């Protein structure tokens, strides 16, 4: 399992750099998306690249931190938390695929989602034999997923706060 642990933050960086680099230009070219798909685009209202970069950085901290802790201090609980983060990352990639299909456009994050999803799946499958799937592990995996959802919400709140503080009502 140790061979795979540090791939999570690497995949995260690879994927999220596409988001940071691409979404500003994408939204400028496709302003109609905000009216056509308000639920999907709500997180990107008044999007600014610097605010997105801050949100991605905040999200990266637990991915990197848990990966490092798991790499250097492997154990049942840390392995389960890391596994939950990898599951969360893979789910994030699936969501991007779904968004692109739903709006019928190639969105920033689609290319790296297509690349990273099979890699993430292989990593998860290869790590299963090293996991102890007892009640404690399952609780840690569920807790890890819940924490990643909460962290994503925190990152979005941070992005919106930064946009308001530094960009006011100006858009993209």
N, C-alpha and C. Protein backbone atom coordinates (compact mmCIF):
# COMPACT_ATOMS: atom_id res chain seq x y z
N UNK A 1 0.83 -1.20 0.00
CA UNK A 1 0.00 0.00 0.00
C UNK A 1 0.86 1.25 0.00
N UNK A 2 2.02 1.15 0.65
CA UNK A 2 2.89 2.31 0.77
C UNK A 2 3.30 2.87 -0.60
N UNK A 3 3.40 2.00 -1.58
CA UNK A 3 3.78 2.44 -2.93
C UNK A 3 2.76 3.39 -3.56
N UNK A 4 1.52 3.35 -3.07
CA UNK A 4 0.44 4.13 -3.68
C UNK A 4 0.09 5.42 -2.92
N UNK A 5 0.48 5.51 -1.68
CA UNK A 5 -0.02 6.57 -0.80
C UNK A 5 0.29 7.97 -1.33
N UNK A 6 1.51 8.20 -1.75
CA UNK A 6 1.88 9.56 -2.18
C UNK A 6 1.38 9.89 -3.58
N UNK A 7 0.78 8.92 -4.26
CA UNK A 7 0.18 9.22 -5.56
C UNK A 7 -1.08 10.07 -5.40
N UNK A 8 -1.76 9.98 -4.26
CA UNK A 8 -2.98 10.78 -4.07
C UNK A 8 -2.70 12.28 -4.18
N UNK A 9 -1.75 12.84 -3.43
CA UNK A 9 -1.53 14.29 -3.61
C UNK A 9 -1.00 14.64 -4.99
N UNK A 10 -0.28 13.74 -5.62
CA UNK A 10 0.22 14.01 -6.98
C UNK A 10 -0.95 14.07 -7.96
N UNK A 11 -1.85 13.09 -7.88
CA UNK A 11 -3.04 13.10 -8.75
C UNK A 11 -3.90 14.33 -8.48
N UNK A 12 -4.04 14.67 -7.20
CA UNK A 12 -4.82 15.85 -6.83
C UNK A 12 -4.24 17.11 -7.49
N UNK A 13 -2.94 17.30 -7.37
CA UNK A 13 -2.30 18.48 -7.96
C UNK A 13 -2.49 18.48 -9.48
N UNK A 14 -2.23 17.35 -10.11
CA UNK A 14 -2.36 17.22 -11.56
C UNK A 14 -3.77 17.62 -12.00
N UNK A 15 -4.77 17.10 -11.32
CA UNK A 15 -6.16 17.38 -11.69
C UNK A 15 -6.56 18.82 -11.38
N UNK A 16 -6.27 19.28 -10.19
CA UNK A 16 -6.75 20.61 -9.79
C UNK A 16 -6.02 21.75 -10.49
N UNK A 17 -4.82 21.50 -11.00
CA UNK A 17 -4.16 22.53 -11.79
C UNK A 17 -4.96 22.80 -13.06
N UNK A 18 -5.53 21.75 -13.65
CA UNK A 18 -6.38 21.96 -14.83
C UNK A 18 -7.58 22.83 -14.48
N UNK A 19 -8.17 22.60 -13.30
CA UNK A 19 -9.30 23.42 -12.86
C UNK A 19 -8.88 24.88 -12.68
N UNK A 20 -7.79 25.10 -11.97
CA UNK A 20 -7.33 26.47 -11.70
C UNK A 20 -7.03 27.20 -13.01
N UNK A 21 -6.32 26.55 -13.89
CA UNK A 21 -5.90 27.17 -15.14
C UNK A 21 -7.07 27.39 -16.09
N UNK A 22 -8.01 26.45 -16.14
CA UNK A 22 -9.01 26.47 -17.19
C UNK A 22 -10.34 27.14 -16.92
N UNK A 23 -10.80 27.15 -15.65
CA UNK A 23 -12.17 27.59 -15.42
C UNK A 23 -12.43 29.07 -15.71
N UNK A 24 -11.49 29.95 -15.42
CA UNK A 24 -11.71 31.38 -15.68
C UNK A 24 -12.00 31.64 -17.14
N UNK A 25 -11.17 31.12 -18.00
CA UNK A 25 -11.34 31.29 -19.45
C UNK A 25 -12.63 30.60 -19.92
N UNK A 26 -12.90 29.41 -19.36
CA UNK A 26 -14.10 28.66 -19.73
C UNK A 26 -15.37 29.45 -19.42
N UNK A 27 -15.44 30.05 -18.24
CA UNK A 27 -16.63 30.80 -17.86
C UNK A 27 -16.77 32.08 -18.68
N UNK A 28 -15.64 32.70 -19.04
CA UNK A 28 -15.72 33.88 -19.91
C UNK A 28 -16.28 33.53 -21.27
N UNK A 29 -15.92 32.36 -21.78
CA UNK A 29 -16.39 31.92 -23.09
C UNK A 29 -17.82 31.37 -23.04
N UNK A 30 -18.29 30.98 -21.86
CA UNK A 30 -19.60 30.34 -21.72
C UNK A 30 -20.44 30.97 -20.62
N UNK A 31 -20.70 32.29 -20.68
CA UNK A 31 -21.45 32.94 -19.60
C UNK A 31 -22.90 32.44 -19.49
N UNK A 32 -23.43 31.87 -20.56
CA UNK A 32 -24.80 31.35 -20.54
C UNK A 32 -24.98 30.17 -19.59
N UNK A 33 -23.90 29.51 -19.24
CA UNK A 33 -23.99 28.35 -18.34
C UNK A 33 -24.55 28.71 -16.98
N UNK A 34 -24.30 29.93 -16.51
CA UNK A 34 -24.78 30.35 -15.21
C UNK A 34 -26.31 30.42 -15.17
N UNK A 35 -26.92 30.76 -16.30
CA UNK A 35 -28.38 30.80 -16.36
C UNK A 35 -28.97 29.43 -16.68
N UNK A 36 -28.30 28.69 -17.55
CA UNK A 36 -28.82 27.38 -17.97
C UNK A 36 -28.68 26.31 -16.89
N UNK A 37 -27.61 26.37 -16.11
CA UNK A 37 -27.33 25.33 -15.12
C UNK A 37 -26.96 25.95 -13.77
N UNK A 38 -27.89 26.62 -13.13
CA UNK A 38 -27.57 27.33 -11.90
C UNK A 38 -27.08 26.43 -10.76
N UNK A 39 -27.58 25.20 -10.68
CA UNK A 39 -27.12 24.31 -9.60
C UNK A 39 -25.67 23.89 -9.80
N UNK A 40 -25.30 23.62 -11.03
CA UNK A 40 -23.93 23.19 -11.31
C UNK A 40 -22.96 24.37 -11.16
N UNK A 41 -23.37 25.54 -11.62
CA UNK A 41 -22.46 26.69 -11.64
C UNK A 41 -22.50 27.53 -10.37
N UNK A 42 -23.38 27.21 -9.44
CA UNK A 42 -23.51 28.02 -8.22
C UNK A 42 -22.18 28.16 -7.49
N UNK A 43 -21.39 27.11 -7.46
CA UNK A 43 -20.11 27.15 -6.75
C UNK A 43 -19.11 28.08 -7.43
N UNK A 44 -19.37 28.43 -8.69
CA UNK A 44 -18.42 29.24 -9.45
C UNK A 44 -18.93 30.64 -9.74
N UNK A 45 -19.99 31.04 -9.06
CA UNK A 45 -20.52 32.39 -9.25
C UNK A 45 -19.44 33.40 -8.86
N UNK A 46 -19.26 34.43 -9.67
CA UNK A 46 -18.22 35.45 -9.45
C UNK A 46 -16.84 34.82 -9.36
N UNK A 47 -16.58 33.85 -10.21
CA UNK A 47 -15.32 33.10 -10.21
C UNK A 47 -14.13 34.00 -10.49
N UNK A 48 -13.07 33.76 -9.73
CA UNK A 48 -11.76 34.38 -9.97
C UNK A 48 -10.70 33.32 -9.73
N UNK A 49 -9.71 33.30 -10.59
CA UNK A 49 -8.67 32.28 -10.52
C UNK A 49 -7.95 32.29 -9.18
N UNK A 50 -7.65 33.46 -8.64
CA UNK A 50 -6.92 33.50 -7.37
C UNK A 50 -7.76 32.93 -6.22
N UNK A 51 -9.05 33.14 -6.24
CA UNK A 51 -9.91 32.57 -5.21
C UNK A 51 -9.98 31.05 -5.36
N UNK A 52 -10.04 30.57 -6.59
CA UNK A 52 -10.04 29.13 -6.83
C UNK A 52 -8.73 28.51 -6.36
N UNK A 53 -7.63 29.19 -6.62
CA UNK A 53 -6.32 28.68 -6.18
C UNK A 53 -6.26 28.56 -4.66
N UNK A 54 -6.83 29.51 -3.96
CA UNK A 54 -6.85 29.45 -2.49
C UNK A 54 -7.70 28.27 -2.03
N UNK A 55 -8.85 28.08 -2.66
CA UNK A 55 -9.72 26.95 -2.29
C UNK A 55 -9.02 25.62 -2.56
N UNK A 56 -8.34 25.51 -3.69
CA UNK A 56 -7.62 24.28 -4.03
C UNK A 56 -6.49 24.04 -3.03
N UNK A 57 -5.81 25.10 -2.67
CA UNK A 57 -4.73 24.97 -1.68
C UNK A 57 -5.28 24.46 -0.35
N UNK A 58 -6.41 25.01 0.07
CA UNK A 58 -7.02 24.57 1.32
C UNK A 58 -7.41 23.09 1.23
N UNK A 59 -7.95 22.68 0.09
CA UNK A 59 -8.31 21.27 -0.09
C UNK A 59 -7.08 20.37 -0.10
N UNK A 60 -5.99 20.88 -0.64
CA UNK A 60 -4.76 20.09 -0.76
C UNK A 60 -4.16 19.75 0.60
N UNK A 61 -4.31 20.64 1.57
CA UNK A 61 -3.67 20.44 2.88
C UNK A 61 -4.04 19.09 3.50
N UNK A 62 -5.32 18.73 3.64
CA UNK A 62 -5.59 17.41 4.21
C UNK A 62 -5.16 16.25 3.30
N UNK A 63 -5.27 16.41 1.99
CA UNK A 63 -4.82 15.35 1.08
C UNK A 63 -3.34 15.07 1.30
N UNK A 64 -2.56 16.13 1.35
CA UNK A 64 -1.11 15.98 1.53
C UNK A 64 -0.78 15.54 2.95
N UNK A 65 -1.43 16.17 3.93
CA UNK A 65 -1.14 15.85 5.33
C UNK A 65 -1.45 14.41 5.69
N UNK A 66 -2.64 13.95 5.35
CA UNK A 66 -3.00 12.55 5.66
C UNK A 66 -2.13 11.58 4.87
N UNK A 67 -1.82 11.93 3.62
CA UNK A 67 -0.94 11.06 2.83
C UNK A 67 0.43 10.94 3.46
N UNK A 68 1.00 12.06 3.90
CA UNK A 68 2.31 12.00 4.56
C UNK A 68 2.25 11.20 5.87
N UNK A 69 1.24 11.48 6.68
CA UNK A 69 1.11 10.73 7.93
C UNK A 69 0.95 9.23 7.67
N UNK A 70 0.15 8.88 6.69
CA UNK A 70 -0.07 7.47 6.36
C UNK A 70 1.21 6.83 5.81
N UNK A 71 1.96 7.57 5.03
CA UNK A 71 3.21 7.06 4.47
C UNK A 71 4.23 6.77 5.57
N UNK A 72 4.39 7.72 6.49
CA UNK A 72 5.42 7.57 7.51
C UNK A 72 4.96 6.81 8.76
N UNK A 73 3.67 6.81 9.04
CA UNK A 73 3.15 6.14 10.23
C UNK A 73 1.94 5.27 9.85
N UNK A 74 2.16 4.27 9.00
CA UNK A 74 1.03 3.46 8.55
C UNK A 74 0.35 2.76 9.72
N UNK A 75 -0.93 2.69 9.63
CA UNK A 75 -1.72 2.01 10.65
C UNK A 75 -3.15 1.92 10.17
N UNK A 76 -3.91 1.14 10.86
CA UNK A 76 -5.28 0.86 10.44
C UNK A 76 -6.12 2.13 10.27
N UNK A 77 -6.06 3.04 11.22
CA UNK A 77 -6.89 4.25 11.17
C UNK A 77 -6.41 5.20 10.07
N UNK A 78 -5.12 5.45 10.01
CA UNK A 78 -4.60 6.34 8.95
C UNK A 78 -4.82 5.72 7.57
N UNK A 79 -4.62 4.42 7.44
CA UNK A 79 -4.89 3.77 6.15
C UNK A 79 -6.34 3.97 5.74
N UNK A 80 -7.25 3.83 6.69
CA UNK A 80 -8.68 4.00 6.40
C UNK A 80 -8.99 5.44 6.01
N UNK A 81 -8.41 6.41 6.71
CA UNK A 81 -8.64 7.82 6.35
C UNK A 81 -8.08 8.12 4.96
N UNK A 82 -6.89 7.60 4.67
CA UNK A 82 -6.31 7.81 3.34
C UNK A 82 -7.19 7.17 2.27
N UNK A 83 -7.67 5.95 2.53
CA UNK A 83 -8.54 5.25 1.59
C UNK A 83 -9.81 6.06 1.34
N UNK A 84 -10.36 6.64 2.39
CA UNK A 84 -11.55 7.50 2.26
C UNK A 84 -11.25 8.71 1.39
N UNK A 85 -10.06 9.28 1.55
CA UNK A 85 -9.70 10.44 0.74
C UNK A 85 -9.55 10.05 -0.73
N UNK A 86 -8.97 8.88 -0.98
CA UNK A 86 -8.83 8.42 -2.36
C UNK A 86 -10.20 8.13 -2.95
N UNK A 87 -11.10 7.54 -2.17
CA UNK A 87 -12.47 7.33 -2.64
C UNK A 87 -13.16 8.67 -2.95
N UNK A 88 -12.96 9.64 -2.08
CA UNK A 88 -13.55 10.97 -2.27
C UNK A 88 -13.01 11.63 -3.53
N UNK A 89 -11.71 11.50 -3.74
CA UNK A 89 -11.09 12.06 -4.94
C UNK A 89 -11.67 11.41 -6.19
N UNK A 90 -11.80 10.08 -6.18
CA UNK A 90 -12.36 9.37 -7.32
C UNK A 90 -13.81 9.81 -7.57
N UNK A 91 -14.58 9.98 -6.51
CA UNK A 91 -15.97 10.45 -6.65
C UNK A 91 -15.99 11.85 -7.26
N UNK A 92 -15.06 12.70 -6.84
CA UNK A 92 -14.93 14.05 -7.38
C UNK A 92 -14.72 13.99 -8.90
N UNK A 93 -13.89 13.06 -9.34
CA UNK A 93 -13.63 12.91 -10.77
C UNK A 93 -14.88 12.46 -11.51
N UNK A 94 -15.62 11.53 -10.92
CA UNK A 94 -16.88 11.05 -11.53
C UNK A 94 -17.87 12.21 -11.66
N UNK A 95 -17.92 13.07 -10.65
CA UNK A 95 -18.82 14.23 -10.69
C UNK A 95 -18.47 15.13 -11.87
N UNK A 96 -17.18 15.35 -12.10
CA UNK A 96 -16.78 16.17 -13.25
C UNK A 96 -17.20 15.52 -14.57
N UNK A 97 -17.05 14.22 -14.67
CA UNK A 97 -17.50 13.53 -15.88
C UNK A 97 -19.00 13.74 -16.07
N UNK A 98 -19.75 13.60 -14.98
CA UNK A 98 -21.20 13.81 -15.03
C UNK A 98 -21.56 15.23 -15.41
N UNK A 99 -20.85 16.20 -14.86
CA UNK A 99 -21.11 17.60 -15.21
C UNK A 99 -20.91 17.84 -16.70
N UNK A 100 -19.82 17.32 -17.22
CA UNK A 100 -19.53 17.52 -18.64
C UNK A 100 -20.58 16.86 -19.53
N UNK A 101 -21.01 15.67 -19.15
CA UNK A 101 -22.06 14.98 -19.91
C UNK A 101 -23.37 15.76 -19.82
N UNK A 102 -23.70 16.21 -18.62
CA UNK A 102 -24.97 16.91 -18.39
C UNK A 102 -25.06 18.21 -19.19
N UNK A 103 -23.98 19.00 -19.19
CA UNK A 103 -24.03 20.27 -19.92
C UNK A 103 -23.60 20.12 -21.38
N UNK A 104 -23.15 18.94 -21.74
CA UNK A 104 -22.74 18.62 -23.11
C UNK A 104 -21.61 19.51 -23.61
N UNK A 105 -20.65 19.72 -22.73
CA UNK A 105 -19.46 20.51 -23.09
C UNK A 105 -18.25 19.89 -22.41
N UNK A 106 -17.12 20.06 -23.06
CA UNK A 106 -15.85 19.67 -22.44
C UNK A 106 -15.48 20.77 -21.44
N UNK A 107 -15.47 20.42 -20.18
CA UNK A 107 -15.18 21.41 -19.15
C UNK A 107 -13.74 21.26 -18.69
N UNK A 108 -13.15 22.35 -18.17
CA UNK A 108 -11.84 22.19 -17.56
C UNK A 108 -11.98 21.18 -16.42
N UNK A 109 -11.11 20.28 -16.33
CA UNK A 109 -11.10 19.19 -15.35
C UNK A 109 -11.53 17.88 -15.99
N UNK A 110 -12.10 17.91 -17.18
CA UNK A 110 -12.55 16.69 -17.83
C UNK A 110 -11.37 15.82 -18.27
N UNK A 111 -10.38 16.42 -18.89
CA UNK A 111 -9.25 15.64 -19.41
C UNK A 111 -8.52 14.93 -18.27
N UNK A 112 -8.21 15.67 -17.21
CA UNK A 112 -7.51 15.02 -16.10
C UNK A 112 -8.42 14.07 -15.33
N UNK A 113 -9.72 14.30 -15.36
CA UNK A 113 -10.65 13.34 -14.75
C UNK A 113 -10.60 12.02 -15.51
N UNK A 114 -10.60 12.10 -16.83
CA UNK A 114 -10.53 10.89 -17.66
C UNK A 114 -9.21 10.15 -17.42
N UNK A 115 -8.14 10.89 -17.25
CA UNK A 115 -6.83 10.27 -17.00
C UNK A 115 -6.74 9.72 -15.58
N UNK A 116 -7.18 10.50 -14.61
CA UNK A 116 -6.98 10.13 -13.20
C UNK A 116 -7.97 9.11 -12.67
N UNK A 117 -9.15 9.01 -13.24
CA UNK A 117 -10.16 8.08 -12.72
C UNK A 117 -9.71 6.62 -12.82
N UNK A 118 -9.25 6.16 -13.97
CA UNK A 118 -8.80 4.76 -14.01
C UNK A 118 -7.58 4.52 -13.10
N UNK A 119 -6.69 5.49 -13.04
CA UNK A 119 -5.52 5.37 -12.17
C UNK A 119 -5.98 5.27 -10.71
N UNK A 120 -6.91 6.11 -10.32
CA UNK A 120 -7.44 6.08 -8.95
C UNK A 120 -8.13 4.75 -8.66
N UNK A 121 -8.88 4.25 -9.63
CA UNK A 121 -9.54 2.96 -9.46
C UNK A 121 -8.54 1.83 -9.27
N UNK A 122 -7.48 1.84 -10.06
CA UNK A 122 -6.43 0.81 -9.93
C UNK A 122 -5.77 0.90 -8.56
N UNK A 123 -5.48 2.11 -8.13
CA UNK A 123 -4.86 2.30 -6.80
C UNK A 123 -5.79 1.77 -5.72
N UNK A 124 -7.07 2.13 -5.77
CA UNK A 124 -8.02 1.65 -4.76
C UNK A 124 -8.10 0.12 -4.76
N UNK A 125 -8.22 -0.46 -5.93
CA UNK A 125 -8.30 -1.93 -6.03
C UNK A 125 -7.03 -2.58 -5.48
N UNK A 126 -5.88 -2.02 -5.82
CA UNK A 126 -4.62 -2.59 -5.35
C UNK A 126 -4.41 -2.41 -3.84
N UNK A 127 -5.08 -1.44 -3.24
CA UNK A 127 -4.94 -1.21 -1.80
C UNK A 127 -5.92 -2.04 -0.96
N UNK A 128 -6.96 -2.55 -1.57
CA UNK A 128 -7.96 -3.32 -0.83
C UNK A 128 -7.35 -4.48 -0.04
N UNK A 129 -6.42 -5.26 -0.63
CA UNK A 129 -5.86 -6.37 0.16
C UNK A 129 -5.11 -5.95 1.43
N UNK A 130 -4.68 -4.70 1.48
CA UNK A 130 -3.94 -4.21 2.65
C UNK A 130 -4.86 -3.63 3.73
N UNK A 131 -6.14 -3.52 3.41
CA UNK A 131 -7.09 -2.92 4.34
C UNK A 131 -7.74 -4.00 5.21
N UNK A 132 -8.02 -3.63 6.43
CA UNK A 132 -8.79 -4.50 7.33
C UNK A 132 -10.19 -3.90 7.39
N UNK A 133 -11.15 -4.52 6.72
CA UNK A 133 -12.49 -3.94 6.65
C UNK A 133 -13.37 -4.42 7.81
N UNK A 134 -12.98 -4.04 9.02
CA UNK A 134 -13.80 -4.33 10.19
C UNK A 134 -14.62 -3.08 10.52
N UNK A 135 -15.37 -3.13 11.60
CA UNK A 135 -16.26 -2.01 11.97
C UNK A 135 -15.47 -0.72 12.17
N UNK A 136 -14.32 -0.78 12.85
CA UNK A 136 -13.53 0.42 13.11
C UNK A 136 -13.05 1.05 11.80
N UNK A 137 -12.58 0.22 10.89
CA UNK A 137 -12.11 0.72 9.59
C UNK A 137 -13.26 1.36 8.82
N UNK A 138 -14.41 0.71 8.80
CA UNK A 138 -15.55 1.24 8.07
C UNK A 138 -16.01 2.58 8.66
N UNK A 139 -16.00 2.69 9.97
CA UNK A 139 -16.35 3.96 10.62
C UNK A 139 -15.35 5.03 10.22
N UNK A 140 -14.06 4.69 10.20
CA UNK A 140 -13.03 5.67 9.80
C UNK A 140 -13.19 6.08 8.34
N UNK A 141 -13.53 5.14 7.47
CA UNK A 141 -13.74 5.46 6.06
C UNK A 141 -14.94 6.39 5.91
N UNK A 142 -16.03 6.07 6.57
CA UNK A 142 -17.22 6.93 6.51
C UNK A 142 -16.91 8.31 7.07
N UNK A 143 -16.24 8.34 8.21
CA UNK A 143 -15.85 9.62 8.82
C UNK A 143 -14.94 10.41 7.87
N UNK A 144 -13.99 9.73 7.24
CA UNK A 144 -13.10 10.40 6.30
C UNK A 144 -13.84 11.00 5.12
N UNK A 145 -14.83 10.29 4.60
CA UNK A 145 -15.62 10.81 3.48
C UNK A 145 -16.44 12.02 3.93
N UNK A 146 -17.04 11.92 5.11
CA UNK A 146 -17.81 13.05 5.65
C UNK A 146 -16.89 14.26 5.84
N UNK A 147 -15.70 14.04 6.35
CA UNK A 147 -14.74 15.14 6.55
C UNK A 147 -14.32 15.75 5.21
N UNK A 148 -14.18 14.94 4.18
CA UNK A 148 -13.81 15.48 2.87
C UNK A 148 -14.95 16.29 2.27
N UNK A 149 -16.18 15.87 2.49
CA UNK A 149 -17.33 16.66 2.01
C UNK A 149 -17.37 18.00 2.75
N UNK A 150 -17.16 17.94 4.07
CA UNK A 150 -17.13 19.18 4.87
C UNK A 150 -15.98 20.07 4.42
N UNK A 151 -14.84 19.48 4.10
CA UNK A 151 -13.69 20.25 3.65
C UNK A 151 -13.96 20.91 2.30
N UNK A 152 -14.66 20.20 1.42
CA UNK A 152 -15.02 20.78 0.13
C UNK A 152 -15.94 21.99 0.33
N UNK A 153 -16.89 21.86 1.24
CA UNK A 153 -17.78 22.99 1.55
C UNK A 153 -16.98 24.16 2.12
N UNK A 154 -16.02 23.87 3.00
CA UNK A 154 -15.15 24.91 3.55
C UNK A 154 -14.35 25.60 2.44
N UNK A 155 -13.82 24.82 1.51
CA UNK A 155 -13.05 25.38 0.40
C UNK A 155 -13.92 26.31 -0.44
N UNK A 156 -15.16 25.91 -0.70
CA UNK A 156 -16.07 26.75 -1.48
C UNK A 156 -16.43 28.02 -0.71
N UNK A 157 -16.63 27.89 0.59
CA UNK A 157 -16.91 29.08 1.40
C UNK A 157 -15.72 30.04 1.37
N UNK A 158 -14.52 29.48 1.46
CA UNK A 158 -13.30 30.29 1.40
C UNK A 158 -13.18 30.98 0.05
N UNK A 159 -13.50 30.27 -1.01
CA UNK A 159 -13.43 30.85 -2.35
C UNK A 159 -14.42 32.01 -2.48
N UNK A 160 -15.65 31.83 -2.00
CA UNK A 160 -16.65 32.90 -2.07
C UNK A 160 -16.27 34.08 -1.19
N UNK A 161 -15.76 33.81 0.00
CA UNK A 161 -15.32 34.89 0.90
C UNK A 161 -14.21 35.70 0.24
N UNK A 162 -13.23 35.00 -0.34
CA UNK A 162 -12.11 35.69 -0.99
C UNK A 162 -12.60 36.52 -2.16
N UNK A 163 -13.52 35.96 -2.95
CA UNK A 163 -14.08 36.73 -4.07
C UNK A 163 -14.75 38.01 -3.60
N UNK A 164 -15.58 37.92 -2.56
CA UNK A 164 -16.27 39.11 -2.05
C UNK A 164 -15.28 40.12 -1.49
N UNK A 165 -14.31 39.66 -0.73
CA UNK A 165 -13.36 40.55 -0.07
C UNK A 165 -12.43 41.25 -1.07
N UNK A 166 -11.99 40.52 -2.08
CA UNK A 166 -10.99 41.07 -2.99
C UNK A 166 -11.52 41.48 -4.36
N UNK A 167 -12.72 41.05 -4.69
CA UNK A 167 -13.24 41.38 -6.02
C UNK A 167 -14.63 42.00 -5.99
N UNK A 168 -15.20 42.11 -4.81
CA UNK A 168 -16.53 42.72 -4.70
C UNK A 168 -17.55 42.01 -5.56
N UNK A 169 -18.31 42.76 -6.29
CA UNK A 169 -19.36 42.16 -7.14
C UNK A 169 -18.89 41.95 -8.58
N UNK A 170 -17.65 42.32 -8.85
CA UNK A 170 -17.13 42.14 -10.22
C UNK A 170 -17.10 40.65 -10.54
N UNK A 171 -17.36 40.30 -11.77
CA UNK A 171 -17.39 38.90 -12.15
C UNK A 171 -16.20 38.54 -13.00
N UNK A 172 -15.95 37.29 -13.06
CA UNK A 172 -14.86 36.66 -13.81
C UNK A 172 -13.94 37.67 -14.40
